[in-house]
Amino acid sequence: MLSRRPLLALAAALPLAARAARPQLSAFGHALPPLAFEQDGKPSGLAVELLKEMAALAGMNLELALQPRLRAEKSFLETPDSLLFPLARLPEREQRFRWVGPMLPRRVAVYALAGRSDIRWRGFRQLEGLRLGATAGTATLEQLLADGLKPGKELEVSPSYEASVRKLLAGRMELLVIGDINLYWQLRQLQEPPERVREVAVLDASTDYCFGLRLESLPAQAEALQRALEQVRRSGLLDKLRRSYGLPG
């Protein structure tokens, strides 16, 4: 008969053995509040919380790191069984990832202060003296520059989403191009009501934010995460997360 001490040691080792046998998933994210950002030195955000829940439901051990965007992409490409997030599922990216999603819809629009009812949107080439704001390092800014808009003239470039929203609220520009989740989050951080701004034009509402696995990852891995995401959605947790980060339903 085994003594009590070896039995206790065996029982304590069982959870560790079970955990070690679970599939490993390395996730690399980049800052895109409120989906992903650092808080008190730790990864936080809606997508971070969602991914943790999905990995738990799918029976996976999750290792998660937030890095600058280019570094996160490099880490993803160098790490087997890894995932990159948050990703807009753009047509040019379709064949580069094994997709899991959607997480949230991606909506990029032009906004003005609600009190500026005099502003009429006629397009980027008909600003007629209106200053248009965008944030450095974004795909939106790249598109505006490609369309011929000039920084310091009709284009006001800010170093961060927070700076962009602050400038709009202060009247330092009349229009701002930004994703709706970024805008709502920054307004919440600044303790400003969403009613301070109004949408004057939608530039793109054709894609969603998703998670992207490596193409060579097993289909079963993506399927397990997709089932977990649907389970989270059905449970109401995803809607709860949206509300907790100040996003509309």
Protein backbone atom coordinates (compact mmCIF):
# COMPACT_ATOMS: atom_id res chain seq x y z
CA MET A 1 0.00 0.00 0.00
CA LEU A 2 1.26 3.47 -0.83
CA SER A 3 1.89 5.76 2.11
CA ARG A 4 -0.11 8.98 2.50
CA ARG A 5 2.86 11.20 1.57
CA PRO A 6 3.47 9.74 -1.94
CA LEU A 7 -0.28 9.86 -2.59
CA LEU A 8 -0.38 13.57 -1.77
CA ALA A 9 2.62 14.22 -3.99
CA LEU A 10 0.98 12.33 -6.85
CA ALA A 11 -2.26 14.27 -6.47
CA ALA A 12 -0.41 17.59 -6.48
CA ALA A 13 1.42 16.66 -9.65
CA LEU A 14 -1.68 15.69 -11.64
CA PRO A 15 -2.89 19.25 -12.44
CA LEU A 16 0.61 20.22 -13.58
CA ALA A 17 0.81 17.18 -15.84
CA ALA A 18 -2.62 17.91 -17.29
CA ARG A 19 -1.65 21.53 -17.92
CA ALA A 20 1.60 20.51 -19.60
CA ALA A 21 -0.33 18.24 -21.95
CA ARG A 22 -2.55 21.07 -23.20
CA PRO A 23 -1.69 22.74 -26.55
CA GLN A 24 0.47 25.85 -26.32
CA LEU A 25 -0.59 29.13 -27.96
CA SER A 26 1.73 32.13 -28.17
CA ALA A 27 -0.15 35.37 -28.85
CA PHE A 28 1.50 38.64 -29.90
CA GLY A 29 -0.51 41.83 -29.79
CA HIS A 30 0.15 45.49 -30.50
CA ALA A 31 -1.38 48.51 -28.79
CA LEU A 32 -4.77 49.48 -30.18
CA PRO A 33 -6.90 50.72 -27.28
CA PRO A 34 -9.37 49.66 -26.13
CA LEU A 35 -8.70 46.31 -27.81
CA ALA A 36 -5.15 45.98 -26.52
CA PHE A 37 -2.98 48.17 -24.32
CA GLU A 38 -0.72 47.99 -21.29
CA GLN A 39 -2.07 48.80 -17.83
CA ASP A 40 0.21 48.67 -14.81
CA GLY A 41 2.78 46.91 -16.96
CA LYS A 42 0.41 44.10 -17.98
CA PRO A 43 -1.52 43.38 -21.19
CA SER A 44 -5.08 44.60 -20.93
CA GLY A 45 -8.00 45.43 -23.18
CA LEU A 46 -11.11 43.90 -24.66
CA ALA A 47 -9.24 41.65 -27.12
CA VAL A 48 -6.84 40.52 -24.40
CA GLU A 49 -9.65 39.53 -22.04
CA LEU A 50 -11.54 37.88 -24.87
CA LEU A 51 -8.53 35.86 -26.01
CA LYS A 52 -7.81 34.65 -22.49
CA GLU A 53 -11.38 33.38 -22.18
CA MET A 54 -11.24 31.74 -25.62
CA ALA A 55 -7.96 29.96 -24.85
CA ALA A 56 -9.35 28.66 -21.56
CA LEU A 57 -12.49 27.33 -23.26
CA ALA A 58 -10.41 25.77 -26.04
CA GLY A 59 -8.15 24.03 -23.50
CA MET A 60 -4.99 25.89 -24.52
CA ASN A 61 -2.10 27.27 -22.49
CA LEU A 62 -1.79 30.92 -23.50
CA GLU A 63 1.41 32.96 -23.48
CA LEU A 64 0.58 36.57 -24.32
CA ALA A 65 2.80 39.59 -25.00
CA LEU A 66 2.13 43.13 -26.21
CA GLN A 67 4.88 44.61 -28.37
CA PRO A 68 5.31 47.47 -30.86
CA ARG A 69 3.44 46.58 -34.06
CA LEU A 70 6.44 45.69 -36.26
CA ARG A 71 8.09 43.71 -33.47
CA ALA A 72 4.85 41.84 -32.77
CA GLU A 73 4.65 40.87 -36.45
CA LYS A 74 8.28 39.69 -36.39
CA SER A 75 7.71 37.63 -33.23
CA PHE A 76 4.62 36.10 -34.81
CA LEU A 77 6.52 35.10 -37.95
CA GLU A 78 9.32 33.54 -35.91
CA THR A 79 7.14 31.59 -33.46
CA PRO A 80 5.35 28.33 -34.35
CA ASP A 81 1.75 27.91 -33.12
CA SER A 82 1.35 31.65 -32.67
CA LEU A 83 -1.40 34.21 -33.11
CA LEU A 84 -1.36 37.92 -34.01
CA PHE A 85 -3.96 40.45 -32.90
CA PRO A 86 -5.87 42.69 -33.22
CA LEU A 87 -6.07 42.48 -37.01
CA ALA A 88 -8.40 44.17 -39.47
CA ARG A 89 -9.41 41.48 -41.95
CA LEU A 90 -8.48 43.46 -45.05
CA PRO A 91 -8.60 41.87 -48.53
CA GLU A 92 -4.83 42.15 -48.97
CA ARG A 93 -4.33 40.15 -45.76
CA GLU A 94 -6.85 37.40 -46.50
CA GLN A 95 -4.32 34.78 -47.65
CA ARG A 96 -1.74 35.57 -44.98
CA PHE A 97 -3.53 34.18 -41.94
CA ARG A 98 -5.80 31.44 -40.69
CA TRP A 99 -8.56 33.66 -39.35
CA VAL A 100 -10.58 33.48 -36.13
CA GLY A 101 -13.40 35.97 -35.75
CA PRO A 102 -14.99 38.36 -36.10
CA MET A 103 -14.29 40.02 -32.79
CA LEU A 104 -15.79 43.45 -33.49
CA PRO A 105 -16.75 45.38 -36.61
CA ARG A 106 -14.19 47.92 -37.84
CA ARG A 107 -15.72 51.26 -38.77
CA VAL A 108 -13.57 54.20 -39.87
CA ALA A 109 -15.38 57.50 -40.19
CA VAL A 110 -14.96 61.27 -40.32
CA TYR A 111 -16.12 63.12 -37.22
CA ALA A 112 -16.80 66.76 -36.33
CA LEU A 113 -17.90 68.47 -33.14
CA ALA A 114 -21.63 68.07 -32.64
CA GLY A 115 -22.01 71.83 -32.36
CA ARG A 116 -20.49 72.45 -35.80
CA SER A 117 -23.68 72.01 -37.82
CA ASP A 118 -22.18 74.34 -40.44
CA ILE A 119 -19.67 71.70 -41.57
CA ARG A 120 -20.66 69.87 -44.75
CA TRP A 121 -18.64 66.89 -45.96
CA ARG A 122 -17.85 66.96 -49.69
CA GLY A 123 -14.83 64.67 -49.76
CA PHE A 124 -11.09 64.88 -49.19
CA ARG A 125 -10.52 66.96 -52.31
CA GLN A 126 -13.14 69.54 -51.38
CA LEU A 127 -12.20 70.48 -47.84
CA GLU A 128 -12.50 74.21 -48.67
CA GLY A 129 -10.30 75.40 -45.82
CA LEU A 130 -11.33 72.75 -43.27
CA ARG A 131 -8.50 71.08 -41.40
CA LEU A 132 -8.64 67.28 -41.36
CA GLY A 133 -6.96 65.34 -38.55
CA ALA A 134 -5.34 61.89 -38.57
CA THR A 135 -3.03 59.93 -36.30
CA ALA A 136 0.61 59.15 -37.10
CA GLY A 137 1.52 55.55 -37.87
CA THR A 138 -1.96 54.52 -39.01
CA ALA A 139 -3.15 53.05 -42.30
CA THR A 140 -5.65 55.91 -42.46
CA LEU A 141 -2.87 58.51 -42.53
CA GLU A 142 -1.03 56.57 -45.23
CA GLN A 143 -4.16 56.65 -47.39
CA LEU A 144 -4.66 60.38 -46.87
CA LEU A 145 -1.06 61.09 -47.83
CA ALA A 146 -1.46 58.88 -50.91
CA ASP A 147 -4.53 60.94 -51.83
CA GLY A 148 -2.33 64.04 -51.90
CA LEU A 149 -3.22 65.76 -48.62
CA LYS A 150 -0.36 67.80 -47.16
CA PRO A 151 0.60 67.83 -43.46
CA GLY A 152 0.64 71.35 -42.09
CA LYS A 153 -1.86 72.51 -44.69
CA GLU A 154 -5.21 70.75 -44.87
CA LEU A 155 -3.92 67.77 -42.86
CA GLU A 156 -3.29 67.91 -39.10
CA VAL A 157 -1.17 64.94 -37.95
CA SER A 158 -1.12 64.01 -34.25
CA PRO A 159 1.23 61.56 -32.53
CA SER A 160 -1.53 59.56 -30.81
CA TYR A 161 -5.26 58.92 -30.85
CA GLU A 162 -5.57 60.84 -27.59
CA ALA A 163 -3.84 63.89 -29.08
CA SER A 164 -6.07 63.69 -32.17
CA VAL A 165 -9.27 63.66 -30.11
CA ARG A 166 -8.02 66.44 -27.82
CA LYS A 167 -7.31 68.64 -30.85
CA LEU A 168 -10.78 68.03 -32.26
CA LEU A 169 -12.42 68.88 -28.94
CA ALA A 170 -10.29 72.03 -28.63
CA GLY A 171 -11.22 73.19 -32.14
CA ARG A 172 -7.68 72.89 -33.52
CA MET A 173 -9.15 70.99 -36.46
CA GLU A 174 -12.65 70.75 -37.84
CA LEU A 175 -12.65 67.09 -38.90
CA LEU A 176 -11.02 63.91 -37.64
CA VAL A 177 -10.62 60.55 -39.39
CA ILE A 178 -10.60 57.75 -36.79
CA GLY A 179 -11.98 54.31 -36.02
CA ASP A 180 -15.12 54.46 -33.92
CA ILE A 181 -13.79 52.20 -31.16
CA ASN A 182 -10.69 54.42 -30.83
CA LEU A 183 -12.86 57.53 -30.67
CA TYR A 184 -15.29 56.17 -28.06
CA TRP A 185 -12.42 54.93 -25.91
CA GLN A 186 -10.57 58.25 -25.98
CA LEU A 187 -13.74 60.19 -25.16
CA ARG A 188 -14.30 57.91 -22.20
CA GLN A 189 -10.73 58.39 -20.99
CA LEU A 190 -11.17 62.15 -21.27
CA GLN A 191 -14.52 61.91 -19.44
CA GLU A 192 -16.32 63.44 -22.40
CA PRO A 193 -19.77 62.22 -23.51
CA PRO A 194 -20.07 60.60 -26.96
CA GLU A 195 -22.58 63.32 -27.83
CA ARG A 196 -19.72 65.83 -28.08
CA VAL A 197 -19.03 64.61 -31.64
CA ARG A 198 -21.05 63.61 -34.68
CA GLU A 199 -20.28 61.38 -37.63
CA VAL A 200 -20.24 63.23 -40.96
CA ALA A 201 -19.07 60.44 -43.30
CA VAL A 202 -18.25 56.72 -43.23
CA LEU A 203 -15.01 55.85 -44.99
CA ASP A 204 -14.90 52.10 -44.41
CA ALA A 205 -17.25 49.69 -42.64
CA SER A 206 -16.47 46.64 -44.74
CA THR A 207 -14.15 44.73 -42.42
CA ASP A 208 -13.92 43.34 -38.89
CA TYR A 209 -11.28 43.01 -36.21
CA CYS A 210 -10.14 39.38 -35.91
CA PHE A 211 -7.37 37.13 -34.60
CA GLY A 212 -4.87 35.69 -37.07
CA LEU A 213 -3.13 32.33 -36.70
CA ARG A 214 -0.15 31.23 -38.78
CA LEU A 215 -1.15 29.56 -42.04
CA GLU A 216 0.72 26.38 -41.16
CA SER A 217 -1.12 26.04 -37.84
CA LEU A 218 -3.44 23.05 -37.52
CA PRO A 219 -7.01 23.66 -38.72
CA ALA A 220 -8.20 22.08 -35.47
CA GLN A 221 -6.52 24.89 -33.53
CA ALA A 222 -8.43 27.57 -35.41
CA GLU A 223 -11.65 25.57 -35.16
CA ALA A 224 -11.30 25.22 -31.39
CA LEU A 225 -10.72 28.96 -30.95
CA GLN A 226 -13.62 29.77 -33.29
CA ARG A 227 -15.96 27.53 -31.28
CA ALA A 228 -14.76 29.22 -28.10
CA LEU A 229 -15.42 32.67 -29.57
CA GLU A 230 -18.95 31.68 -30.54
CA GLN A 231 -19.50 30.30 -27.04
CA VAL A 232 -18.34 33.60 -25.52
CA ARG A 233 -20.65 35.48 -27.87
CA ARG A 234 -23.67 33.33 -27.00
CA SER A 235 -23.01 33.69 -23.28
CA GLY A 236 -23.29 37.48 -23.50
CA LEU A 237 -19.73 38.01 -22.26
CA LEU A 238 -18.61 39.76 -25.45
CA ASP A 239 -21.43 42.32 -25.12
CA LYS A 240 -20.50 42.77 -21.47
CA LEU A 241 -16.88 43.42 -22.45
CA ARG A 242 -17.98 45.99 -25.04
CA ARG A 243 -19.99 47.88 -22.45
CA SER A 244 -17.20 47.72 -19.88
CA TYR A 245 -14.87 49.46 -22.35
CA GLY A 246 -17.41 52.13 -23.26
CA LEU A 247 -18.24 50.76 -26.71
CA PRO A 248 -21.78 50.83 -28.12
CA GLY A 249 -23.60 47.60 -28.90
